[in-house]
């Protein structure tokens, strides 16, 4: 597989990843419909949430580290061990396509970016890692020792 084909394949994978991330990362709060297509009856109006106290600490996952930003944002592609790898980081979300696995989760911080992902099929090799940019490339070091060196995907 030549480099141009790899980049084109990576761009297609990154575009698909972006669509998947947009669809799954913004999973609105709609309640599931009951079987048979019946429309659920409206529930009682929920009580207003309690006002936060000035002494309570925030339980937001963003409180400990800001979402990833800057040079790591975007779609990145490359080969590791002869197999294609794609990483997309945007607004605190991350998506990895590797070895026919799709993993998604959070990206926190900026230098380095900490990636915390889950994979629907139980794959665990690329679920915890750190990413940083080095000489225009994204270098991701995973907890299991795997290291991906990726190039920014561009449309051509």
N, C-alpha and C. Protein backbone atom coordinates (compact mmCIF):
# COMPACT_ATOMS: atom_id res chain seq x y z
N UNK A 1 0.87 -1.18 0.00
CA UNK A 1 0.00 0.00 0.00
C UNK A 1 0.90 1.22 0.00
N UNK A 2 0.77 2.09 -1.02
CA UNK A 2 1.62 3.27 -1.09
C UNK A 2 1.12 4.35 -0.12
N UNK A 3 1.95 5.34 0.09
CA UNK A 3 1.63 6.38 1.07
C UNK A 3 0.39 7.18 0.69
N UNK A 4 0.22 7.48 -0.61
CA UNK A 4 -0.96 8.24 -1.02
C UNK A 4 -2.24 7.47 -0.77
N UNK A 5 -2.19 6.18 -1.05
CA UNK A 5 -3.38 5.36 -0.81
C UNK A 5 -3.68 5.29 0.69
N UNK A 6 -2.63 5.17 1.50
CA UNK A 6 -2.81 5.14 2.95
C UNK A 6 -3.47 6.43 3.43
N UNK A 7 -3.01 7.57 2.92
CA UNK A 7 -3.59 8.84 3.34
C UNK A 7 -5.04 8.93 2.90
N UNK A 8 -5.34 8.53 1.64
CA UNK A 8 -6.74 8.56 1.18
C UNK A 8 -7.60 7.65 2.03
N UNK A 9 -7.10 6.45 2.32
CA UNK A 9 -7.84 5.52 3.17
C UNK A 9 -8.03 6.12 4.56
N UNK A 10 -6.99 6.76 5.07
CA UNK A 10 -7.07 7.39 6.39
C UNK A 10 -8.08 8.52 6.42
N UNK A 11 -8.13 9.30 5.32
CA UNK A 11 -9.09 10.41 5.26
C UNK A 11 -10.51 9.87 5.27
N UNK A 12 -10.74 8.79 4.50
CA UNK A 12 -12.07 8.18 4.49
C UNK A 12 -12.40 7.64 5.88
N UNK A 13 -11.43 6.96 6.51
CA UNK A 13 -11.65 6.43 7.85
C UNK A 13 -11.89 7.57 8.85
N UNK A 14 -11.13 8.65 8.70
CA UNK A 14 -11.29 9.78 9.61
C UNK A 14 -12.65 10.43 9.43
N UNK A 15 -13.11 10.53 8.17
CA UNK A 15 -14.43 11.11 7.92
C UNK A 15 -15.51 10.24 8.54
N UNK A 16 -15.37 8.93 8.37
CA UNK A 16 -16.33 8.01 8.99
C UNK A 16 -16.27 8.10 10.50
N UNK A 17 -15.05 8.24 11.03
CA UNK A 17 -14.88 8.36 12.47
C UNK A 17 -15.54 9.63 12.99
N UNK A 18 -15.39 10.72 12.22
CA UNK A 18 -16.00 11.99 12.64
C UNK A 18 -17.52 11.87 12.67
N UNK A 19 -18.07 11.20 11.67
CA UNK A 19 -19.53 11.00 11.66
C UNK A 19 -19.94 10.14 12.84
N UNK A 20 -19.20 9.04 13.08
CA UNK A 20 -19.51 8.17 14.21
C UNK A 20 -19.40 8.93 15.52
N UNK A 21 -18.36 9.73 15.66
CA UNK A 21 -18.16 10.51 16.88
C UNK A 21 -19.29 11.51 17.08
N UNK A 22 -19.69 12.15 15.99
CA UNK A 22 -20.78 13.13 16.09
C UNK A 22 -22.09 12.44 16.48
N UNK A 23 -22.31 11.26 15.94
CA UNK A 23 -23.55 10.56 16.25
C UNK A 23 -23.56 9.97 17.66
N UNK A 24 -22.43 9.42 18.09
CA UNK A 24 -22.40 8.78 19.40
C UNK A 24 -21.99 9.72 20.52
N UNK A 25 -21.21 10.73 20.20
CA UNK A 25 -20.73 11.66 21.23
C UNK A 25 -21.78 12.64 21.68
N UNK A 26 -22.80 12.80 20.88
CA UNK A 26 -23.86 13.75 21.21
C UNK A 26 -25.15 12.98 21.41
N UNK A 27 -25.12 11.93 22.17
CA UNK A 27 -26.28 11.07 22.35
C UNK A 27 -27.32 11.73 23.21
N UNK A 28 -28.14 12.58 22.66
CA UNK A 28 -29.18 13.34 23.37
C UNK A 28 -29.86 12.54 24.46
N UNK A 29 -30.66 13.16 25.21
CA UNK A 29 -31.30 12.53 26.36
C UNK A 29 -32.67 11.97 26.05
N UNK A 30 -32.94 11.58 24.85
CA UNK A 30 -34.26 11.06 24.51
C UNK A 30 -34.50 9.74 25.21
N UNK A 31 -35.70 9.58 25.75
CA UNK A 31 -36.05 8.34 26.42
C UNK A 31 -36.41 7.29 25.37
N UNK A 32 -36.09 6.01 25.62
CA UNK A 32 -36.42 4.98 24.66
C UNK A 32 -37.94 4.80 24.56
N UNK A 33 -38.40 4.44 23.37
CA UNK A 33 -39.82 4.19 23.16
C UNK A 33 -40.14 2.76 23.55
N UNK A 34 -41.35 2.54 24.09
CA UNK A 34 -41.73 1.18 24.42
C UNK A 34 -41.91 0.36 23.15
N UNK A 35 -41.83 -0.96 23.29
CA UNK A 35 -42.01 -1.86 22.15
C UNK A 35 -43.38 -1.66 21.54
N UNK A 36 -43.48 -1.91 20.24
CA UNK A 36 -44.77 -1.79 19.57
C UNK A 36 -45.02 -0.40 19.02
N UNK A 37 -44.07 0.54 19.19
CA UNK A 37 -44.20 1.87 18.62
C UNK A 37 -45.15 2.79 19.36
N UNK A 38 -45.66 2.37 20.50
CA UNK A 38 -46.58 3.22 21.25
C UNK A 38 -45.83 4.44 21.78
N UNK A 39 -46.49 5.56 21.81
CA UNK A 39 -45.90 6.77 22.34
C UNK A 39 -46.09 6.79 23.85
N UNK A 40 -45.00 6.98 24.59
CA UNK A 40 -45.14 6.99 26.04
C UNK A 40 -45.92 8.22 26.51
N UNK A 41 -46.63 8.05 27.61
CA UNK A 41 -47.38 9.17 28.15
C UNK A 41 -46.42 10.09 28.88
N UNK A 42 -46.71 11.39 28.92
CA UNK A 42 -45.79 12.31 29.58
C UNK A 42 -45.70 12.01 31.08
N UNK A 43 -44.50 12.10 31.59
CA UNK A 43 -44.29 11.85 33.01
C UNK A 43 -44.60 13.13 33.78
N UNK A 44 -44.73 12.99 35.05
CA UNK A 44 -44.96 14.16 35.90
C UNK A 44 -43.78 15.11 35.76
N UNK A 45 -44.04 16.38 35.91
CA UNK A 45 -42.98 17.37 35.78
C UNK A 45 -41.96 17.13 36.88
N UNK A 46 -40.67 16.95 36.48
CA UNK A 46 -39.65 16.68 37.50
C UNK A 46 -39.41 17.91 38.37
N UNK A 47 -39.01 17.64 39.59
CA UNK A 47 -38.69 18.74 40.52
C UNK A 47 -37.41 19.40 40.05
N UNK A 48 -37.29 20.66 40.34
CA UNK A 48 -36.08 21.40 39.98
C UNK A 48 -34.91 20.84 40.77
N UNK A 49 -33.72 20.76 40.15
CA UNK A 49 -32.57 20.25 40.89
C UNK A 49 -32.20 21.22 42.00
N UNK A 50 -31.61 20.70 43.07
CA UNK A 50 -31.23 21.57 44.17
C UNK A 50 -30.16 22.56 43.72
N UNK A 51 -30.20 23.75 44.29
CA UNK A 51 -29.20 24.76 43.97
C UNK A 51 -27.86 24.32 44.53
N UNK A 52 -26.78 24.52 43.78
CA UNK A 52 -25.47 24.11 44.29
C UNK A 52 -25.06 24.98 45.46
N UNK A 53 -24.42 24.35 46.42
CA UNK A 53 -23.94 25.11 47.57
C UNK A 53 -22.57 25.66 47.26
N UNK A 54 -22.19 26.71 47.92
CA UNK A 54 -20.90 27.33 47.65
C UNK A 54 -19.75 26.48 48.17
N UNK A 55 -20.04 25.48 49.01
CA UNK A 55 -18.96 24.67 49.57
C UNK A 55 -18.82 23.33 48.85
N UNK A 56 -19.76 22.99 47.97
CA UNK A 56 -19.65 21.69 47.31
C UNK A 56 -18.67 21.80 46.15
N UNK A 57 -17.98 20.69 45.87
CA UNK A 57 -17.04 20.68 44.75
C UNK A 57 -17.75 20.17 43.51
N UNK A 58 -17.24 20.54 42.38
CA UNK A 58 -17.85 20.15 41.11
C UNK A 58 -17.62 18.67 40.85
N UNK A 59 -18.63 18.01 40.32
CA UNK A 59 -18.48 16.60 39.97
C UNK A 59 -18.33 16.44 38.47
N UNK A 60 -18.16 17.52 37.72
CA UNK A 60 -17.98 17.47 36.28
C UNK A 60 -16.67 16.77 35.94
N UNK A 61 -16.68 15.90 34.91
CA UNK A 61 -15.43 15.26 34.52
C UNK A 61 -14.44 16.27 33.95
N UNK A 62 -14.89 17.46 33.56
CA UNK A 62 -14.01 18.47 33.02
C UNK A 62 -13.33 19.29 34.12
N UNK A 63 -13.72 19.09 35.37
CA UNK A 63 -13.17 19.89 36.45
C UNK A 63 -11.69 19.61 36.66
N UNK A 64 -11.24 18.34 36.50
CA UNK A 64 -9.86 18.01 36.78
C UNK A 64 -8.92 18.39 35.65
N UNK A 65 -9.38 18.38 34.40
CA UNK A 65 -8.54 18.74 33.28
C UNK A 65 -9.42 19.25 32.15
N UNK A 66 -8.96 20.27 31.47
CA UNK A 66 -9.77 20.79 30.36
C UNK A 66 -9.78 19.82 29.19
N UNK A 67 -10.76 19.94 28.30
CA UNK A 67 -10.76 19.10 27.11
C UNK A 67 -9.50 19.34 26.29
N UNK A 68 -9.13 18.33 25.52
CA UNK A 68 -7.95 18.45 24.68
C UNK A 68 -8.14 19.59 23.68
N UNK A 69 -7.07 20.29 23.41
CA UNK A 69 -7.14 21.40 22.46
C UNK A 69 -5.79 21.54 21.79
N UNK A 70 -5.77 22.40 20.83
CA UNK A 70 -4.50 22.73 20.21
C UNK A 70 -4.02 21.73 19.19
N UNK A 71 -2.72 21.49 19.17
CA UNK A 71 -2.12 20.73 18.09
C UNK A 71 -2.57 19.28 17.98
N UNK A 72 -3.09 18.67 19.02
CA UNK A 72 -3.53 17.27 18.94
C UNK A 72 -4.90 17.13 18.29
N UNK A 73 -5.69 18.22 18.24
CA UNK A 73 -7.01 18.15 17.63
C UNK A 73 -6.89 17.83 16.14
N UNK A 74 -7.81 16.99 15.66
CA UNK A 74 -7.84 16.64 14.26
C UNK A 74 -7.83 15.14 14.07
N UNK A 75 -7.69 14.76 12.81
CA UNK A 75 -7.63 13.33 12.46
C UNK A 75 -6.21 12.99 12.04
N UNK A 76 -5.73 11.88 12.54
CA UNK A 76 -4.36 11.44 12.33
C UNK A 76 -4.37 10.00 11.82
N UNK A 77 -3.49 9.67 10.89
CA UNK A 77 -3.44 8.32 10.32
C UNK A 77 -2.00 7.84 10.21
N UNK A 78 -1.85 6.53 10.19
CA UNK A 78 -0.52 5.95 10.01
C UNK A 78 -0.58 4.45 10.05
N UNK A 79 0.60 3.84 10.03
CA UNK A 79 0.75 2.40 10.12
C UNK A 79 1.57 2.07 11.34
N UNK A 80 1.13 1.07 12.10
CA UNK A 80 1.89 0.55 13.22
C UNK A 80 1.96 -0.96 13.01
N UNK A 81 3.15 -1.46 12.87
CA UNK A 81 3.30 -2.89 12.62
C UNK A 81 2.65 -3.31 11.30
N UNK A 82 2.63 -2.39 10.33
CA UNK A 82 2.04 -2.68 9.03
C UNK A 82 0.53 -2.62 8.99
N UNK A 83 -0.11 -2.22 10.09
CA UNK A 83 -1.57 -2.14 10.16
C UNK A 83 -2.01 -0.69 10.30
N UNK A 84 -3.07 -0.29 9.58
CA UNK A 84 -3.53 1.11 9.67
C UNK A 84 -4.10 1.45 11.04
N UNK A 85 -3.81 2.67 11.47
CA UNK A 85 -4.32 3.21 12.73
C UNK A 85 -4.81 4.62 12.45
N UNK A 86 -5.97 4.97 13.00
CA UNK A 86 -6.52 6.31 12.87
C UNK A 86 -6.92 6.81 14.26
N UNK A 87 -6.54 8.03 14.57
CA UNK A 87 -6.91 8.67 15.84
C UNK A 87 -7.54 10.01 15.51
N UNK A 88 -8.72 10.27 16.06
CA UNK A 88 -9.38 11.56 15.89
C UNK A 88 -9.63 12.15 17.27
N UNK A 89 -9.20 13.40 17.46
CA UNK A 89 -9.37 14.11 18.72
C UNK A 89 -10.11 15.40 18.41
N UNK A 90 -11.20 15.64 19.13
CA UNK A 90 -11.95 16.89 18.92
C UNK A 90 -12.79 17.19 20.15
N UNK A 91 -12.64 18.41 20.67
CA UNK A 91 -13.44 18.93 21.78
C UNK A 91 -13.58 17.95 22.95
N UNK A 92 -12.49 17.36 23.36
CA UNK A 92 -12.52 16.49 24.52
C UNK A 92 -12.95 15.07 24.24
N UNK A 93 -13.21 14.75 22.97
CA UNK A 93 -13.59 13.39 22.59
C UNK A 93 -12.47 12.77 21.76
N UNK A 94 -12.35 11.45 21.82
CA UNK A 94 -11.34 10.75 21.03
C UNK A 94 -11.96 9.50 20.42
N UNK A 95 -11.50 9.17 19.23
CA UNK A 95 -11.94 7.98 18.53
C UNK A 95 -10.72 7.33 17.91
N UNK A 96 -10.57 6.03 18.12
CA UNK A 96 -9.45 5.29 17.56
C UNK A 96 -9.99 4.14 16.72
N UNK A 97 -9.46 4.01 15.52
CA UNK A 97 -9.74 2.87 14.66
C UNK A 97 -8.42 2.14 14.49
N UNK A 98 -8.35 0.90 14.98
CA UNK A 98 -7.10 0.14 14.89
C UNK A 98 -7.42 -1.35 14.92
N UNK A 99 -6.73 -2.08 14.04
CA UNK A 99 -6.87 -3.53 14.00
C UNK A 99 -8.34 -3.97 13.96
N UNK A 100 -9.15 -3.29 13.16
CA UNK A 100 -10.59 -3.59 12.99
C UNK A 100 -11.39 -3.35 14.27
N UNK A 101 -10.88 -2.55 15.17
CA UNK A 101 -11.59 -2.21 16.41
C UNK A 101 -11.93 -0.72 16.39
N UNK A 102 -13.06 -0.38 16.96
CA UNK A 102 -13.48 1.02 17.09
C UNK A 102 -13.57 1.31 18.59
N UNK A 103 -12.80 2.29 19.03
CA UNK A 103 -12.76 2.64 20.45
C UNK A 103 -13.00 4.15 20.56
N UNK A 104 -13.79 4.54 21.56
CA UNK A 104 -14.06 5.96 21.75
C UNK A 104 -14.07 6.31 23.23
N UNK A 105 -13.86 7.58 23.49
CA UNK A 105 -13.84 8.03 24.88
C UNK A 105 -13.45 9.49 24.97
N UNK A 106 -12.62 9.78 25.96
CA UNK A 106 -12.28 11.18 26.26
C UNK A 106 -10.82 11.47 25.95
N UNK A 107 -10.57 12.75 25.70
CA UNK A 107 -9.22 13.27 25.53
C UNK A 107 -9.10 14.47 26.45
N UNK A 108 -8.19 14.44 27.40
CA UNK A 108 -8.07 15.49 28.40
C UNK A 108 -6.66 16.06 28.40
N UNK A 109 -6.60 17.36 28.63
CA UNK A 109 -5.31 18.04 28.73
C UNK A 109 -4.80 18.48 27.37
N UNK A 110 -3.60 19.05 27.37
CA UNK A 110 -3.02 19.52 26.12
C UNK A 110 -1.57 19.08 25.92
N UNK A 111 -0.82 18.88 26.95
CA UNK A 111 0.58 18.51 26.78
C UNK A 111 1.05 17.65 27.94
N UNK A 112 0.91 16.37 27.90
CA UNK A 112 0.32 15.56 26.84
C UNK A 112 -1.20 15.45 27.00
N UNK A 113 -1.84 14.94 25.97
CA UNK A 113 -3.27 14.65 25.99
C UNK A 113 -3.43 13.24 26.55
N UNK A 114 -4.31 13.07 27.53
CA UNK A 114 -4.57 11.75 28.09
C UNK A 114 -5.81 11.17 27.43
N UNK A 115 -5.67 10.01 26.82
CA UNK A 115 -6.77 9.33 26.15
C UNK A 115 -7.29 8.20 27.02
N UNK A 116 -8.59 8.18 27.26
CA UNK A 116 -9.25 7.13 28.03
C UNK A 116 -10.42 6.64 27.17
N UNK A 117 -10.31 5.41 26.66
CA UNK A 117 -11.26 4.90 25.69
C UNK A 117 -11.87 3.58 26.13
N UNK A 118 -12.99 3.24 25.52
CA UNK A 118 -13.58 1.90 25.66
C UNK A 118 -13.90 1.41 24.26
N UNK A 119 -13.82 0.11 24.10
CA UNK A 119 -14.10 -0.52 22.81
C UNK A 119 -15.29 -1.46 23.00
N UNK A 120 -16.23 -1.39 22.07
CA UNK A 120 -17.45 -2.19 22.19
C UNK A 120 -17.18 -3.69 22.22
N UNK A 121 -16.09 -4.13 21.60
CA UNK A 121 -15.83 -5.56 21.49
C UNK A 121 -14.87 -6.09 22.56
N UNK A 122 -14.51 -5.27 23.54
CA UNK A 122 -13.65 -5.73 24.62
C UNK A 122 -12.16 -5.59 24.33
N UNK A 123 -11.78 -5.06 23.20
CA UNK A 123 -10.37 -4.82 22.84
C UNK A 123 -9.78 -3.88 23.88
N UNK A 124 -8.57 -4.15 24.36
CA UNK A 124 -8.01 -3.32 25.42
C UNK A 124 -6.63 -2.74 25.13
N UNK A 125 -6.01 -3.10 24.01
CA UNK A 125 -4.64 -2.64 23.75
C UNK A 125 -4.54 -1.12 23.62
N UNK A 126 -5.56 -0.47 23.11
CA UNK A 126 -5.51 0.99 22.92
C UNK A 126 -6.66 1.66 23.66
N UNK A 127 -6.67 1.50 24.98
CA UNK A 127 -7.73 2.12 25.77
C UNK A 127 -7.21 3.19 26.74
N UNK A 128 -5.96 3.15 27.09
CA UNK A 128 -5.35 4.15 27.98
C UNK A 128 -4.03 4.57 27.37
N UNK A 129 -3.88 5.88 27.13
CA UNK A 129 -2.62 6.33 26.56
C UNK A 129 -2.45 7.83 26.65
N UNK A 130 -1.27 8.28 26.23
CA UNK A 130 -0.98 9.70 26.19
C UNK A 130 -0.53 10.05 24.77
N UNK A 131 -0.91 11.24 24.33
CA UNK A 131 -0.57 11.69 22.99
C UNK A 131 0.08 13.06 23.05
N UNK A 132 1.08 13.25 22.22
CA UNK A 132 1.72 14.56 22.10
C UNK A 132 2.17 14.74 20.66
N UNK A 133 2.33 15.99 20.28
CA UNK A 133 2.81 16.26 18.93
C UNK A 133 4.32 16.44 18.97
N UNK A 134 4.97 15.82 18.01
CA UNK A 134 6.42 15.89 17.89
C UNK A 134 6.78 16.05 16.42
N UNK A 135 7.35 17.18 16.06
CA UNK A 135 7.76 17.46 14.68
C UNK A 135 6.62 17.26 13.68
N UNK A 136 5.44 17.77 14.02
CA UNK A 136 4.30 17.68 13.11
C UNK A 136 3.59 16.34 13.08
N UNK A 137 3.98 15.43 13.93
CA UNK A 137 3.34 14.11 14.01
C UNK A 137 2.70 13.95 15.38
N UNK A 138 1.67 13.10 15.44
CA UNK A 138 1.06 12.78 16.73
C UNK A 138 1.64 11.45 17.19
N UNK A 139 2.24 11.44 18.36
CA UNK A 139 2.82 10.23 18.91
C UNK A 139 1.95 9.82 20.10
N UNK A 140 1.36 8.62 20.00
CA UNK A 140 0.50 8.09 21.05
C UNK A 140 1.21 6.90 21.67
N UNK A 141 1.42 6.96 22.97
CA UNK A 141 2.02 5.85 23.70
C UNK A 141 0.93 5.24 24.57
N UNK A 142 0.62 3.98 24.31
CA UNK A 142 -0.45 3.28 25.02
C UNK A 142 0.09 2.56 26.25
N UNK A 143 -0.76 2.31 27.21
CA UNK A 143 -0.37 1.70 28.49
C UNK A 143 0.31 0.34 28.29
N UNK A 144 -0.06 -0.39 27.23
CA UNK A 144 0.55 -1.71 27.01
C UNK A 144 1.91 -1.62 26.32
N UNK A 145 2.39 -0.39 26.04
CA UNK A 145 3.69 -0.21 25.41
C UNK A 145 3.63 0.04 23.92
N UNK A 146 2.48 -0.16 23.29
CA UNK A 146 2.34 0.12 21.86
C UNK A 146 2.53 1.61 21.63
N UNK A 147 3.23 1.95 20.55
CA UNK A 147 3.47 3.36 20.23
C UNK A 147 3.06 3.59 18.78
N UNK A 148 2.13 4.53 18.57
CA UNK A 148 1.67 4.91 17.23
C UNK A 148 2.25 6.28 16.89
N UNK A 149 2.87 6.41 15.71
CA UNK A 149 3.34 7.68 15.22
C UNK A 149 2.51 7.99 13.98
N UNK A 150 1.70 9.05 14.05
CA UNK A 150 0.69 9.31 13.04
C UNK A 150 0.89 10.68 12.38
N UNK A 151 0.42 10.78 11.14
CA UNK A 151 0.49 12.01 10.36
C UNK A 151 -0.90 12.61 10.26
N UNK A 152 -1.00 13.92 10.29
CA UNK A 152 -2.30 14.60 10.19
C UNK A 152 -2.94 14.26 8.85
N UNK A 153 -4.20 13.85 8.89
CA UNK A 153 -4.95 13.51 7.67
C UNK A 153 -5.38 14.78 6.99
N UNK A 154 -5.16 14.86 5.69
CA UNK A 154 -5.58 16.01 4.91
C UNK A 154 -6.32 15.52 3.67
N UNK A 155 -7.27 16.28 3.21
CA UNK A 155 -8.00 15.91 2.00
C UNK A 155 -7.10 16.21 0.80
N UNK A 156 -7.06 15.30 -0.16
CA UNK A 156 -6.26 15.54 -1.36
C UNK A 156 -7.01 15.22 -2.61
